[in-house]
Protein backbone atom coordinates (compact mmCIF):
# COMPACT_ATOMS: atom_id res chain seq x y z
CA MET A 1 -82.99 213.41 120.90
CA CYS A 2 -82.68 215.44 124.04
CA THR A 3 -82.04 219.16 124.16
CA SER A 4 -79.75 221.07 126.53
CA GLN A 5 -79.91 224.04 128.83
CA ALA A 6 -76.98 226.20 129.89
CA LEU A 7 -75.31 225.69 133.24
CA THR A 8 -76.54 228.25 135.72
CA GLY A 9 -74.37 229.76 138.44
CA GLY A 10 -75.12 231.35 141.77
CA LEU A 11 -75.76 228.22 143.84
CA PRO A 12 -75.43 228.96 147.55
CA SER A 13 -73.60 226.66 149.95
CA ALA A 14 -74.69 223.15 150.91
CA LYS A 15 -74.14 222.43 154.61
CA LYS A 16 -75.17 219.64 156.90
CA ALA A 17 -78.89 219.94 157.49
CA SER A 18 -80.41 221.15 160.73
CA LYS A 19 -83.59 219.35 161.67
CA GLN A 20 -84.88 221.52 164.47
CA GLY A 21 -87.82 223.77 165.15
CA PHE A 22 -91.59 224.09 164.82
CA HIS A 23 -92.75 227.18 162.96
CA TYR A 24 -96.17 226.34 161.67
CA GLN A 25 -98.20 228.59 159.41
CA TRP A 26 -101.59 228.20 157.81
CA ILE A 27 -101.75 227.46 154.09
CA PRO A 28 -104.38 229.77 152.56
CA ASN A 29 -106.45 229.38 149.39
CA LEU A 30 -106.68 225.60 149.52
CA GLU A 31 -109.69 223.30 149.77
CA SER A 32 -110.91 222.81 153.36
CA GLY A 33 -108.71 225.73 154.43
CA SER A 34 -110.73 226.57 157.53
CA LYS A 35 -110.45 223.00 158.80
CA ARG A 36 -106.71 223.05 158.20
CA LYS A 37 -106.43 226.29 160.11
CA GLU A 38 -108.32 224.74 163.00
CA MET A 39 -106.08 221.67 162.87
CA LYS A 40 -102.99 223.86 162.93
CA LEU A 41 -104.22 225.63 166.04
CA ILE A 42 -104.99 222.29 167.70
CA GLU A 43 -101.51 220.98 166.88
CA ARG A 44 -99.85 224.09 168.26
CA LEU A 45 -101.94 223.96 171.43
CA CYS A 46 -101.18 220.28 171.98
CA LEU A 47 -97.46 220.83 171.48
CA ALA A 48 -97.50 223.73 173.93
CA VAL A 49 -99.29 221.65 176.56
CA ARG A 50 -97.09 218.62 175.92
CA TYR A 51 -93.94 220.57 176.84
CA ILE A 52 -95.18 222.35 179.94
CA PRO A 53 -92.33 221.53 182.38
CA TRP A 54 -94.47 219.96 185.11
CA LEU A 55 -96.39 217.84 182.54
CA GLU A 56 -93.49 216.83 180.30
CA ARG A 57 -92.71 213.69 182.30
CA ALA A 58 -96.32 212.64 182.91
CA ASP A 59 -96.06 209.62 180.64
CA TRP A 60 -99.15 208.01 182.13
CA LEU A 61 -101.21 211.02 181.02
CA TRP A 62 -99.84 211.07 177.46
CA ASP A 63 -100.33 207.32 177.12
CA LEU A 64 -103.95 207.88 178.07
CA LEU A 65 -104.52 210.83 175.74
CA ARG A 66 -102.50 209.68 172.74
CA PRO A 67 -105.16 207.38 171.16
CA HIS A 68 -107.72 210.18 171.31
CA TYR A 69 -105.29 212.68 169.81
CA GLU A 70 -104.39 210.22 167.03
CA LYS A 71 -108.06 209.81 166.19
CA LEU A 72 -108.65 213.57 166.18
CA VAL A 73 -105.66 214.24 163.93
CA GLY A 74 -106.69 211.47 161.55
CA LEU A 75 -110.23 212.86 161.31
CA MET A 76 -109.41 216.53 160.88
CA GLY A 77 -106.29 215.95 158.79
CA GLN A 78 -107.79 213.60 156.23
CA HIS A 79 -107.37 216.27 153.53
CA GLY A 80 -103.78 216.97 154.59
CA LEU A 81 -101.99 218.84 157.34
CA PRO A 82 -100.35 222.14 156.33
CA ARG A 83 -96.61 222.56 156.63
CA ASN A 84 -94.50 225.54 155.59
CA ILE A 85 -91.19 223.85 154.83
CA ASN A 86 -88.20 226.09 155.57
CA GLY A 87 -90.41 229.16 155.28
CA THR A 88 -90.56 228.87 151.49
CA ASP A 89 -92.76 225.93 150.50
CA GLN A 90 -96.34 225.34 151.59
CA LEU A 91 -97.15 221.64 151.43
CA LEU A 92 -99.82 219.26 152.66
CA ILE A 93 -98.82 216.04 154.42
CA LEU A 94 -100.66 212.98 155.67
CA PRO A 95 -101.50 212.84 159.39
CA ARG A 96 -99.19 209.85 159.87
CA TRP A 97 -96.24 212.12 158.96
CA ARG A 98 -97.28 215.01 161.20
CA GLU A 99 -93.97 214.83 163.12
CA VAL A 100 -92.08 215.99 160.02
CA ARG A 101 -90.61 219.32 161.05
CA GLU A 102 -90.88 222.48 159.04
CA SER A 103 -87.14 223.14 159.32
CA TYR A 104 -86.15 220.35 156.96
CA GLU A 105 -82.52 220.27 155.73
CA PRO A 106 -82.70 224.05 155.29
CA ASP A 107 -79.29 224.74 153.72
CA VAL A 108 -79.51 221.91 151.20
CA TRP A 109 -83.13 222.82 150.48
CA LYS A 110 -82.20 226.43 149.73
CA THR A 111 -79.30 225.40 147.50
CA LEU A 112 -81.30 222.86 145.51
CA MET A 113 -84.46 224.94 145.13
CA GLY A 114 -82.43 227.96 144.07
CA SER A 115 -80.93 226.00 141.18
CA VAL A 116 -84.22 224.94 139.57
CA LEU A 117 -85.45 226.51 136.34
CA SER A 118 -88.96 226.41 134.92
CA GLY A 119 -89.20 223.53 132.46
CA ASP A 120 -86.43 221.48 134.08
CA THR A 121 -86.47 217.70 134.20
CA ILE A 122 -85.30 216.47 137.62
CA ALA A 123 -84.56 212.92 138.78
CA ASP A 124 -85.26 212.50 142.51
CA VAL A 125 -83.54 209.24 143.50
CA GLY A 126 -84.67 208.21 146.97
CA ALA A 127 -87.74 210.43 147.08
CA PHE A 128 -88.92 209.13 150.50
CA ILE A 129 -92.39 210.65 151.09
CA GLY A 130 -92.02 213.41 148.54
CA LEU A 131 -91.21 216.67 150.32
CA TYR A 132 -88.46 217.50 147.83
CA THR A 133 -90.45 216.01 144.96
CA ILE A 134 -93.43 218.29 145.54
CA ALA A 135 -91.41 221.47 146.05
CA LEU A 136 -89.37 220.72 142.93
CA ALA A 137 -92.51 219.97 140.92
CA LYS A 138 -93.99 223.34 141.82
CA ARG A 139 -90.84 225.05 140.58
CA VAL A 140 -90.46 223.23 137.25
CA GLY A 141 -94.02 224.15 136.32
CA HIS A 142 -96.35 222.48 133.85
CA SER A 143 -93.61 222.29 131.20
CA GLY A 144 -91.20 220.45 133.52
CA LYS A 145 -91.07 216.99 135.04
CA VAL A 146 -89.87 215.38 138.27
CA VAL A 147 -89.14 211.65 138.03
CA ALA A 148 -89.30 210.32 141.59
CA PHE A 149 -87.81 206.91 142.49
CA GLU A 150 -88.78 205.26 145.80
CA PRO A 151 -88.53 201.46 146.35
CA ASP A 152 -89.94 201.22 149.89
CA PRO A 153 -93.63 200.23 149.50
CA GLU A 154 -94.84 202.21 152.53
CA ASN A 155 -92.85 205.31 151.60
CA PHE A 156 -94.03 205.02 148.00
CA ALA A 157 -97.69 204.91 149.09
CA SER A 158 -97.18 208.12 151.07
CA LEU A 159 -95.24 209.66 148.19
CA ARG A 160 -98.13 208.99 145.82
CA SER A 161 -100.68 210.38 148.30
CA HIS A 162 -98.61 213.52 148.89
CA VAL A 163 -98.24 214.14 145.16
CA GLU A 164 -102.02 213.86 144.78
CA LEU A 165 -102.77 215.98 147.87
CA ASN A 166 -100.55 218.75 146.57
CA ARG A 167 -101.97 218.59 143.04
CA VAL A 168 -98.74 218.07 141.14
CA SER A 169 -99.55 214.70 139.56
CA ASP A 170 -99.41 216.27 136.09
CA ARG A 171 -95.68 216.97 136.41
CA VAL A 172 -94.47 214.06 138.57
CA GLU A 173 -93.62 210.59 137.28
CA LEU A 174 -93.59 208.05 140.12
CA VAL A 175 -91.27 205.04 139.83
CA PRO A 176 -91.54 202.35 142.58
CA THR A 177 -88.05 200.95 142.09
CA ALA A 178 -84.54 201.27 143.45
CA VAL A 179 -81.85 202.85 141.27
CA ALA A 180 -78.70 200.78 140.87
CA ALA A 181 -75.74 199.93 138.64
CA ARG A 182 -77.77 197.19 136.91
CA ASN A 183 -81.33 196.32 135.99
CA GLY A 184 -83.11 193.50 137.84
CA VAL A 185 -83.85 192.99 141.53
CA ILE A 186 -81.87 193.79 144.63
CA PRO A 187 -82.05 193.05 148.41
CA PHE A 188 -83.71 195.86 150.33
CA LYS A 189 -84.46 196.65 153.97
CA ALA A 190 -87.89 198.30 154.00
CA GLY A 191 -90.21 199.72 156.66
CA ARG A 192 -87.60 202.03 158.19
CA ALA A 193 -89.06 205.34 157.00
CA SER A 194 -86.20 207.56 155.79
CA GLY A 195 -83.70 204.85 156.80
CA SER A 196 -84.90 202.16 154.39
CA HIS A 197 -82.02 201.13 152.16
CA VAL A 198 -80.50 198.69 149.71
CA SER A 199 -78.80 195.87 151.60
CA PRO A 200 -75.42 194.40 150.63
CA ASP A 201 -76.72 190.91 151.40
CA SER A 202 -79.94 189.00 152.01
CA GLY A 203 -81.24 188.41 155.51
CA GLN A 204 -84.34 187.80 157.54
CA ASP A 205 -85.37 191.43 157.47
CA THR A 206 -84.71 191.98 153.76
CA HIS A 207 -86.75 191.36 150.65
CA THR A 208 -86.10 192.00 146.98
CA VAL A 209 -87.28 195.05 145.08
CA PRO A 210 -86.95 195.88 141.38
CA CYS A 211 -83.99 198.07 140.42
CA VAL A 212 -83.14 200.03 137.30
CA ARG A 213 -80.19 201.95 135.91
CA LEU A 214 -80.72 205.64 135.26
CA ASP A 215 -79.11 205.03 131.87
CA THR A 216 -82.04 202.73 131.13
CA LYS A 217 -84.89 204.69 132.63
CA MET A 218 -83.73 208.10 131.43
CA ALA A 219 -82.29 206.98 128.08
CA ASP A 220 -82.41 209.81 125.51
CA ARG A 221 -84.03 212.11 128.08
CA ARG A 222 -82.45 215.31 129.32
CA VAL A 223 -81.91 215.41 133.08
CA ASP A 224 -81.17 218.93 134.28
CA ILE A 225 -80.76 218.14 138.00
CA LEU A 226 -80.11 214.84 139.75
CA LYS A 227 -80.82 214.45 143.48
CA ILE A 228 -79.54 211.33 145.25
CA ASP A 229 -80.42 210.27 148.81
CA VAL A 230 -80.01 206.51 149.03
CA GLU A 231 -78.50 205.74 152.44
CA GLY A 232 -75.05 204.59 151.36
CA TYR A 233 -75.78 203.38 147.82
CA GLU A 234 -74.55 206.56 146.12
CA LEU A 235 -71.73 205.06 144.05
CA GLU A 236 -73.92 202.33 142.56
CA VAL A 237 -76.52 204.90 141.49
CA LEU A 238 -73.85 206.92 139.69
CA GLU A 239 -72.31 203.81 138.10
CA GLY A 240 -75.70 203.09 136.56
CA ALA A 241 -75.84 206.62 135.16
CA ILE A 242 -72.40 206.89 133.58
CA GLU A 243 -73.75 207.26 130.03
CA LEU A 244 -76.09 210.02 131.15
CA LEU A 245 -73.33 211.84 133.04
CA GLN A 246 -71.02 211.78 130.03
CA ASP A 247 -73.59 212.78 127.40
CA ILE A 248 -73.08 216.53 127.03
CA ARG A 249 -76.53 216.89 125.44
CA CYS A 250 -78.50 215.34 128.30
CA CYS A 251 -76.28 215.34 131.41
CA PRO A 252 -77.33 217.01 134.67
CA ARG A 253 -75.86 220.47 135.15
CA SER A 254 -75.79 219.72 138.90
CA ILE A 255 -76.01 216.62 141.11
CA PHE A 256 -77.01 216.89 144.77
CA ILE A 257 -75.77 213.91 146.76
CA GLU A 258 -76.32 213.02 150.40
CA VAL A 259 -73.26 210.95 151.28
CA HIS A 260 -73.10 208.31 154.03
CA PRO A 261 -69.45 207.30 154.65
CA PHE A 262 -70.39 205.70 157.96
CA ILE A 263 -72.35 203.06 155.98
CA TRP A 264 -69.68 202.48 153.34
CA SER A 265 -67.57 200.21 155.56
CA ASP A 266 -69.63 197.18 154.51
CA ARG A 267 -69.55 198.13 150.80
CA VAL A 268 -66.96 198.69 148.10
CA THR A 269 -67.84 202.38 148.11
CA THR A 270 -65.15 204.87 149.10
CA GLY A 271 -65.01 208.64 148.96
CA LYS A 272 -62.18 208.39 146.43
CA ALA A 273 -64.18 206.11 144.13
CA LEU A 274 -67.14 208.49 144.24
CA LEU A 275 -65.03 211.57 143.52
CA ASP A 276 -63.06 209.79 140.78
CA LEU A 277 -66.23 208.72 138.99
CA LEU A 278 -67.59 212.27 139.03
CA ALA A 279 -64.26 213.73 137.91
CA SER A 280 -64.08 211.25 135.02
CA SER A 281 -67.45 212.61 133.86
CA ASN A 282 -66.15 216.19 134.11
CA TYR A 283 -67.89 217.24 137.32
CA GLN A 284 -66.40 219.44 140.00
CA VAL A 285 -67.52 218.51 143.52
CA VAL A 286 -68.05 221.25 146.09
CA GLY A 287 -69.35 221.42 149.61
CA ALA A 288 -70.05 224.20 152.07
CA ASN A 289 -69.19 227.73 150.95
CA TRP A 290 -68.30 226.50 147.45
CA GLN A 291 -65.08 224.91 148.68
CA PRO A 292 -63.84 222.04 146.45
CA VAL A 293 -64.21 218.63 148.04
CA LYS A 294 -60.91 216.72 147.93
CA SER A 295 -62.00 213.81 150.13
CA ILE A 296 -65.18 212.58 151.81
CA GLU A 297 -64.37 211.68 155.38
CA PHE A 298 -67.17 213.24 157.40
CA ILE A 299 -69.82 211.00 158.95
CA TRP A 300 -72.76 212.37 156.97
CA GLY A 301 -73.42 215.35 154.76
CA HIS A 302 -74.11 216.73 151.31
CA VAL A 303 -71.99 217.52 148.29
CA VAL A 304 -72.89 219.14 144.99
CA ALA A 305 -71.32 218.07 141.69
CA ILE A 306 -71.32 220.80 139.04
CA LYS A 307 -70.80 220.02 135.36
CA LYS A 308 -67.89 221.92 133.88
CA ALA A 309 -68.05 224.20 130.86
CA GLU A 310 -68.48 221.59 128.11
CA ARG A 311 -72.23 221.39 128.53
CA ASP A 312 -72.58 225.15 128.38
CA LYS A 313 -70.65 225.14 125.10
CA SER A 314 -72.77 222.30 123.74
CA SER A 315 -76.02 224.12 124.46
CA LYS A 316 -74.82 226.98 122.26
CA ARG A 317 -74.15 224.62 119.34
CA ILE A 318 -77.52 222.83 119.46
């Protein structure tokens, strides 16, 4: 039987993420640190040269130099390239993902990371290459667990490598499946990096991947925080977790959802259906500045669903 933890307050606002800026810093006290420092300097120098105004449009020159730069980055970054994500989390990434910027969904990142407690169990649905997974794993500590779901084979390979590079394998459970409203297989468009997604129908550029309900995978397990980033498949993920959401002993105290209304037009998903499902499980949905969300009409953004007082009362009884 699962145990419960009290709902914590004080979550800051969740706004649409900014994805701008390069603010690289060296990660100290890690293996091969001097090489990483050298690589960081090389990256910064190359970026500075690349954007010199009179060289910026010299495509012939960059086409000539790019293969050599790729080889250099691959050689010197084989033990990981350092990134200081949002000024709070020092991570190592594979050279192939070197274009990931250090300002990475900063408002959502701050909100989510600020809600984590040591010992938490967190489900990361749509883990991509693991930036959130790793930062969350460092916060839950050795007594916590992050269960990371990622169905895209290429993304999953990078996710696994990043977890190993950052030495958090002991507290991360990797699950190479999609999360859905049923168990089985489902059409999926892969190979699109962060844009890979479940497809409403089969086609030439789709293949099937295994899928699982959260109610199946996390049965009788406490989930303290649920993060969902599934490119339009949000409602189906929640439909497959309805037992978890309604179990006051095990339900998440908060759910962080990236919503994609611009994709919903070819699905049965609507903002009303999403909000109604959460309300029926006794969650209050808020957005920026803690304002209640009455409808979801924006093109893209994040909402946070907070469990109401029943779970807090239950934790006192157990």
